[in-house]
Amino acid sequence: MSVETNLEMPFSETPEGFVQPFYLTGERDGNKTPLVRGRFARLTSPCQSILGRHDYPASINELCAEAMSLAACLSTTLKFDGVFTLQARGDGVVRTLFADVTSAGAMRSYAAFDTEKAKEFEPTGPAILPRLMGGGYMAFTVDQDAAHGDEARRYQGIVELEGSHLGDCAVSWFKNSEQLAAQVITAATKTDDGWHSAALFLQQVAGEGGHDTRLSEDELADEWHTAMVMMSSATREELLSPSLGVPDLLFRLFHAQNVHLQAPRPITDTCRCSAEKVEQVLSGLDAEQLRDMSDENGQLHVSCEFCKINRSYSMADYLSA
């Protein structure tokens, strides 16, 4: 059996970043029904460019990098036309952790934190949530754009910041919202070119999704247990290494369970801010708010938290509007 045997679409690994969907049909010969679905995200250029614009300490960069790959993975498990957001708020060093990605793969991320306290932390492996964020919550939100005559809608799930790593919160979310077993691991590292990250996600397929009825509950549990064992054998180096191709990595881990790869989805560093959006916000402010925001020369300076583009406007233009 070769790596290419179960490729449903040609694989092309983009340096910008990607999510690779795949599924496992189990050890039984001839079974073509998905028993476990998976996602593997590897982000290089998005992490490098997004974090390169921020002057974050290493520990914060690592947390943001892992949040980006996790958000990329989770966004492709849902069917939506809009924006998927991962946002955590804590009472520790890091107060806000944010990453979002559109259905087209445009990603943004930032963090708000105590600058002095953050200097005390250095990366020691996967970012440890309790040390960096303390207590709090993580919200997973889907903003569905209005399309085909439908109204815009928002779906949100919230879980407490429990567990050691970001992936633990995602597992809790899936357990609460879909009542399905899931597991995810994340990793991030800094190289000479900058930061990059990866995430590997597995989830049992729901019974109504087409489980092979020839398999008993015990056999299905065995398939899931095997997938979990193989997932846990993946090293940080394997997940992050650009020299190890994704088909090779997934075949190495799951070939005994018949891994099938689907079309990869690109992830890019793309901010959604614009001068038009800023001007619309300024037009909605009253005179007192405009004066509070302006400098001594009557200029309004607006900086995007994501892409760090600075824009300046004259307060007089909006007072007379």
Protein backbone atom coordinates (compact mmCIF):
# COMPACT_ATOMS: atom_id res chain seq x y z
CA MET A 1 0.00 0.00 0.00
CA SER A 2 1.44 3.39 -0.98
CA VAL A 3 0.87 6.81 0.49
CA GLU A 4 -1.17 7.84 -2.52
CA THR A 5 -3.60 4.91 -2.45
CA ASN A 6 -6.38 6.67 -0.58
CA LEU A 7 -5.89 10.22 -1.83
CA GLU A 8 -9.27 11.48 -3.04
CA MET A 9 -7.83 14.78 -4.29
CA PRO A 10 -4.28 15.72 -5.40
CA PHE A 11 -2.32 17.18 -2.48
CA SER A 12 -0.51 20.49 -2.83
CA GLU A 13 1.07 21.86 0.35
CA THR A 14 0.97 25.64 0.21
CA PRO A 15 3.62 27.57 2.15
CA GLU A 16 0.91 30.01 3.23
CA GLY A 17 -0.70 27.42 5.47
CA PHE A 18 -3.42 24.81 5.11
CA VAL A 19 -5.82 22.42 6.78
CA GLN A 20 -5.84 18.83 5.53
CA PRO A 21 -9.19 17.04 6.05
CA PHE A 22 -9.06 13.24 6.23
CA TYR A 23 -11.02 10.29 7.56
CA LEU A 24 -10.37 6.75 8.73
CA THR A 25 -12.45 3.76 7.64
CA GLY A 26 -10.97 1.29 10.11
CA GLU A 27 -9.00 -1.92 9.98
CA ARG A 28 -11.69 -4.04 8.31
CA ASP A 29 -10.91 -4.70 4.65
CA GLY A 30 -13.46 -3.31 2.23
CA ASN A 31 -15.11 -0.92 4.68
CA LYS A 32 -15.54 2.49 3.02
CA THR A 33 -17.66 4.12 5.72
CA PRO A 34 -15.87 6.85 7.73
CA LEU A 35 -15.54 5.88 11.39
CA VAL A 36 -13.25 8.71 12.47
CA ARG A 37 -12.80 12.09 10.85
CA GLY A 38 -9.70 14.21 11.23
CA ARG A 39 -8.10 17.53 10.44
CA PHE A 40 -4.43 18.42 10.32
CA ALA A 41 -3.37 22.07 10.19
CA ARG A 42 0.14 23.30 9.53
CA LEU A 43 0.64 27.07 9.50
CA THR A 44 3.96 28.59 8.50
CA SER A 45 3.60 31.90 6.66
CA PRO A 46 0.43 32.97 8.51
CA CYS A 47 2.12 32.54 11.89
CA GLN A 48 5.32 34.19 10.74
CA SER A 49 3.64 37.26 9.28
CA ILE A 50 0.93 37.71 11.92
CA LEU A 51 3.26 37.32 14.91
CA GLY A 52 6.03 39.21 13.13
CA ARG A 53 3.90 42.36 13.32
CA HIS A 54 3.55 42.10 17.11
CA ASP A 55 6.23 42.55 19.72
CA TYR A 56 5.01 39.70 21.91
CA PRO A 57 7.21 37.75 24.35
CA ALA A 58 7.98 34.19 23.25
CA SER A 59 5.43 32.61 25.58
CA ILE A 60 2.62 34.77 24.16
CA ASN A 61 3.72 34.08 20.58
CA GLU A 62 3.59 30.36 21.29
CA LEU A 63 0.07 30.59 22.69
CA CYS A 64 -1.14 32.66 19.72
CA ALA A 65 0.50 30.30 17.24
CA GLU A 66 -1.26 27.30 18.78
CA ALA A 67 -4.57 29.20 18.88
CA MET A 68 -4.27 29.90 15.15
CA SER A 69 -3.72 26.28 14.17
CA LEU A 70 -6.51 25.15 16.51
CA ALA A 71 -8.95 27.71 15.06
CA ALA A 72 -7.99 26.64 11.54
CA CYS A 73 -8.67 22.99 12.37
CA LEU A 74 -11.99 23.58 14.09
CA SER A 75 -13.29 25.97 11.43
CA THR A 76 -13.14 23.22 8.81
CA THR A 77 -15.25 20.84 10.90
CA LEU A 78 -18.28 23.11 10.43
CA LYS A 79 -20.32 24.10 7.41
CA PHE A 80 -20.75 27.87 7.35
CA ASP A 81 -20.33 30.95 5.21
CA GLY A 82 -18.88 33.61 7.46
CA VAL A 83 -16.38 33.72 10.34
CA PHE A 84 -15.31 31.20 12.97
CA THR A 85 -13.83 32.75 16.12
CA LEU A 86 -11.87 31.31 19.02
CA GLN A 87 -11.70 33.78 21.91
CA ALA A 88 -10.46 33.17 25.44
CA ARG A 89 -10.55 35.55 28.40
CA GLY A 90 -8.58 34.92 31.58
CA ASP A 91 -7.52 36.57 34.82
CA GLY A 92 -3.84 35.66 34.51
CA VAL A 93 -0.94 37.10 32.54
CA VAL A 94 -2.88 36.77 29.28
CA ARG A 95 -6.25 38.51 29.49
CA THR A 96 -7.45 37.97 25.91
CA LEU A 97 -6.50 35.41 23.28
CA PHE A 98 -8.17 35.77 19.89
CA ALA A 99 -8.00 33.99 16.53
CA ASP A 100 -10.58 33.95 13.78
CA VAL A 101 -10.78 32.54 10.28
CA THR A 102 -13.31 33.05 7.52
CA SER A 103 -14.89 30.27 5.51
CA ALA A 104 -12.50 31.35 2.73
CA GLY A 105 -9.47 30.80 5.00
CA ALA A 106 -8.57 34.41 5.91
CA MET A 107 -7.02 34.40 9.39
CA ARG A 108 -6.30 37.01 12.09
CA SER A 109 -5.00 36.78 15.66
CA TYR A 110 -3.89 38.88 18.62
CA ALA A 111 -3.42 38.74 22.40
CA ALA A 112 -3.78 41.24 25.26
CA PHE A 113 -1.60 40.65 28.31
CA ASP A 114 0.36 42.08 31.24
CA THR A 115 3.66 43.04 29.63
CA GLU A 116 5.81 42.85 32.75
CA LYS A 117 4.45 39.55 34.03
CA ALA A 118 4.76 37.95 30.58
CA LYS A 119 8.53 38.37 30.69
CA GLU A 120 8.68 35.77 33.46
CA PHE A 121 7.47 32.97 31.19
CA GLU A 122 9.41 31.07 28.57
CA PRO A 123 8.13 28.32 26.24
CA THR A 124 8.63 24.85 27.72
CA GLY A 125 6.53 22.85 25.25
CA PRO A 126 2.83 23.24 24.47
CA ALA A 127 1.55 26.47 25.99
CA ILE A 128 0.31 25.79 29.53
CA LEU A 129 -3.06 27.50 30.01
CA PRO A 130 -3.23 27.70 33.82
CA ARG A 131 0.18 29.39 34.01
CA LEU A 132 -0.61 31.97 31.33
CA MET A 133 -4.35 32.60 31.52
CA GLY A 134 -5.45 31.52 35.00
CA GLY A 135 -9.22 31.12 35.30
CA GLY A 136 -11.74 32.22 32.72
CA TYR A 137 -13.56 30.93 29.69
CA MET A 138 -13.16 30.17 26.00
CA ALA A 139 -15.86 30.94 23.44
CA PHE A 140 -16.23 29.30 20.03
CA THR A 141 -18.41 31.40 17.73
CA VAL A 142 -19.73 31.01 14.19
CA ASP A 143 -21.05 34.17 12.56
CA GLN A 144 -23.09 32.99 9.59
CA ASP A 145 -23.35 35.68 6.89
CA ALA A 146 -26.70 36.44 5.32
CA ALA A 147 -26.90 34.52 2.07
CA HIS A 148 -29.54 33.29 -0.35
CA GLY A 149 -32.19 35.37 1.36
CA ASP A 150 -31.41 33.99 4.83
CA GLU A 151 -30.80 36.18 7.87
CA ALA A 152 -27.35 36.46 9.41
CA ARG A 153 -27.03 34.20 12.43
CA ARG A 154 -24.61 33.63 15.32
CA TYR A 155 -23.91 30.35 17.10
CA GLN A 156 -21.73 30.27 20.20
CA GLY A 157 -20.46 27.71 22.67
CA ILE A 158 -18.64 28.62 25.89
CA VAL A 159 -16.49 26.41 28.11
CA GLU A 160 -14.35 27.13 31.14
CA LEU A 161 -10.58 27.37 30.81
CA GLU A 162 -9.93 23.90 32.16
CA GLY A 163 -7.08 21.55 31.36
CA SER A 164 -3.45 22.20 30.60
CA HIS A 165 -3.65 23.10 26.91
CA LEU A 166 -5.85 24.88 24.39
CA GLY A 167 -6.94 21.57 22.92
CA ASP A 168 -8.55 20.55 26.22
CA CYS A 169 -11.05 23.41 25.88
CA ALA A 170 -11.90 22.34 22.33
CA VAL A 171 -12.50 18.77 23.49
CA SER A 172 -14.88 20.06 26.18
CA TRP A 173 -16.73 22.11 23.58
CA PHE A 174 -17.29 19.13 21.30
CA LYS A 175 -18.34 16.97 24.22
CA ASN A 176 -20.90 19.56 25.33
CA SER A 177 -22.21 20.60 21.93
CA GLU A 178 -22.15 17.42 19.86
CA GLN A 179 -21.90 14.66 22.47
CA LEU A 180 -19.10 13.07 20.45
CA ALA A 181 -15.65 11.91 21.47
CA ALA A 182 -12.89 14.17 20.14
CA GLN A 183 -9.22 14.84 20.74
CA VAL A 184 -6.79 17.48 19.54
CA ILE A 185 -3.11 18.22 20.03
CA THR A 186 -1.34 21.46 19.15
CA ALA A 187 2.30 22.42 18.80
CA ALA A 188 4.29 25.56 17.96
CA THR A 189 7.94 26.45 17.65
CA LYS A 190 10.17 29.30 16.55
CA THR A 191 12.66 28.80 13.74
CA ASP A 192 15.10 31.12 12.01
CA ASP A 193 12.22 32.22 9.76
CA GLY A 194 9.79 32.86 12.61
CA TRP A 195 6.99 31.03 14.37
CA HIS A 196 4.92 28.22 12.92
CA SER A 197 2.37 25.83 14.38
CA ALA A 198 0.37 22.67 13.81
CA ALA A 199 -2.73 20.97 15.16
CA LEU A 200 -4.06 17.42 14.77
CA PHE A 201 -7.75 16.78 15.42
CA LEU A 202 -9.76 13.53 15.57
CA GLN A 203 -13.49 13.00 16.15
CA GLN A 204 -15.74 9.97 16.14
CA VAL A 205 -18.35 10.00 13.40
CA ALA A 206 -21.90 10.11 14.72
CA GLY A 207 -23.93 6.92 14.43
CA GLU A 208 -26.46 8.55 12.15
CA GLY A 209 -23.56 9.64 9.96
CA GLY A 210 -23.30 6.16 8.52
CA HIS A 211 -21.44 3.84 10.85
CA ASP A 212 -20.95 0.41 9.37
CA THR A 213 -23.76 -1.53 11.03
CA ARG A 214 -21.68 -4.66 10.77
CA LEU A 215 -19.48 -3.29 13.55
CA SER A 216 -20.51 -3.74 17.16
CA GLU A 217 -20.20 -0.98 19.74
CA ASP A 218 -17.11 -2.72 21.12
CA GLU A 219 -15.52 -2.83 17.66
CA LEU A 220 -16.26 0.87 17.12
CA ALA A 221 -14.73 1.64 20.50
CA ASP A 222 -11.65 -0.36 19.53
CA GLU A 223 -11.29 1.63 16.30
CA TRP A 224 -11.47 4.90 18.24
CA HIS A 225 -9.00 3.66 20.85
CA THR A 226 -6.54 2.63 18.13
CA ALA A 227 -6.82 6.02 16.44
CA MET A 228 -6.17 7.76 19.78
CA VAL A 229 -3.12 5.63 20.48
CA MET A 230 -1.64 6.36 17.05
CA MET A 231 -2.44 10.06 17.41
CA SER A 232 -0.60 10.19 20.73
CA SER A 233 2.48 8.70 19.09
CA ALA A 234 2.94 11.79 16.90
CA THR A 235 5.89 13.89 18.06
CA ARG A 236 6.13 17.67 18.03
CA GLU A 237 8.93 17.38 15.51
CA GLU A 238 6.74 15.35 13.14
CA LEU A 239 3.81 17.72 13.43
CA LEU A 240 5.92 20.81 12.79
CA SER A 241 8.60 19.58 10.37
CA PRO A 242 8.19 21.15 6.90
CA SER A 243 10.35 18.35 5.49
CA LEU A 244 7.76 15.72 6.46
CA GLY A 245 4.93 15.87 3.95
CA VAL A 246 1.38 15.63 5.21
CA PRO A 247 0.48 12.46 3.26
CA ASP A 248 3.59 10.83 4.68
CA LEU A 249 2.79 11.94 8.23
CA LEU A 250 -0.83 10.79 8.15
CA PHE A 251 0.05 7.52 6.43
CA ARG A 252 2.74 6.90 9.05
CA LEU A 253 0.20 7.40 11.84
CA PHE A 254 -3.00 5.89 10.45
CA HIS A 255 -2.19 3.57 7.54
CA ALA A 256 -3.45 0.53 9.49
CA GLN A 257 -6.85 2.21 9.74
CA ASN A 258 -7.08 3.12 6.04
CA VAL A 259 -6.57 6.87 6.00
CA HIS A 260 -8.30 8.80 3.19
CA LEU A 261 -7.17 12.36 2.38
CA GLN A 262 -9.52 14.98 0.98
CA ALA A 263 -8.84 18.34 -0.64
CA PRO A 264 -6.69 20.62 1.56
CA ARG A 265 -7.99 24.08 2.44
CA PRO A 266 -5.66 27.11 2.32
CA ILE A 267 -5.19 29.44 5.30
CA THR A 268 -3.80 32.93 4.69
CA ASP A 269 -2.83 35.98 6.73
CA THR A 270 -5.57 38.36 5.60
CA CYS A 271 -6.87 41.24 7.70
CA ARG A 272 -10.41 42.42 7.05
CA CYS A 273 -9.93 46.03 8.16
CA SER A 274 -10.33 48.87 5.66
CA ALA A 275 -10.38 52.67 5.54
CA GLU A 276 -14.08 52.51 4.68
CA LYS A 277 -14.91 50.54 7.84
CA VAL A 278 -12.93 52.95 10.03
CA GLU A 279 -14.62 55.97 8.46
CA GLN A 280 -18.02 54.39 9.04
CA VAL A 281 -17.23 53.94 12.75
CA LEU A 282 -15.95 57.52 13.12
CA SER A 283 -19.07 58.85 11.42
CA GLY A 284 -21.16 57.23 14.13
CA LEU A 285 -19.37 58.96 17.02
CA ASP A 286 -20.64 62.14 18.66
CA ALA A 287 -18.58 65.30 19.14
CA GLU A 288 -17.49 64.47 22.69
CA GLN A 289 -16.25 61.03 21.67
CA LEU A 290 -14.34 62.48 18.73
CA ARG A 291 -12.65 65.09 20.96
CA ASP A 292 -11.68 62.42 23.50
CA MET A 293 -10.02 60.38 20.75
CA SER A 294 -8.19 63.23 19.01
CA ASP A 295 -4.69 64.55 19.75
CA GLU A 296 -3.70 68.15 20.43
CA ASN A 297 -3.72 68.86 16.68
CA GLY A 298 -7.24 67.57 16.18
CA GLN A 299 -6.10 64.36 14.50
CA LEU A 300 -7.71 60.96 15.01
CA HIS A 301 -5.26 58.07 14.89
CA VAL A 302 -6.64 54.57 14.44
CA SER A 303 -4.44 51.46 14.57
CA CYS A 304 -5.74 48.01 13.63
CA GLU A 305 -5.04 45.52 16.42
CA PHE A 306 -4.52 42.75 13.88
CA CYS A 307 -2.48 44.11 10.96
CA LYS A 308 -1.06 47.17 12.77
CA ILE A 309 -1.92 49.54 9.92
CA ASN A 310 -2.17 53.12 11.24
CA ARG A 311 -4.68 55.54 9.74
CA SER A 312 -5.09 59.24 10.55
CA TYR A 313 -8.13 61.48 10.08
CA SER A 314 -9.02 65.08 10.81
CA MET A 315 -11.55 65.49 13.61
CA ALA A 316 -12.95 68.56 11.83
CA ASP A 317 -14.12 66.44 8.92
CA TYR A 318 -16.39 64.43 11.22
CA LEU A 319 -17.57 67.32 13.41
CA SER A 320 -18.93 69.04 10.32
CA ALA A 321 -20.42 65.89 8.84
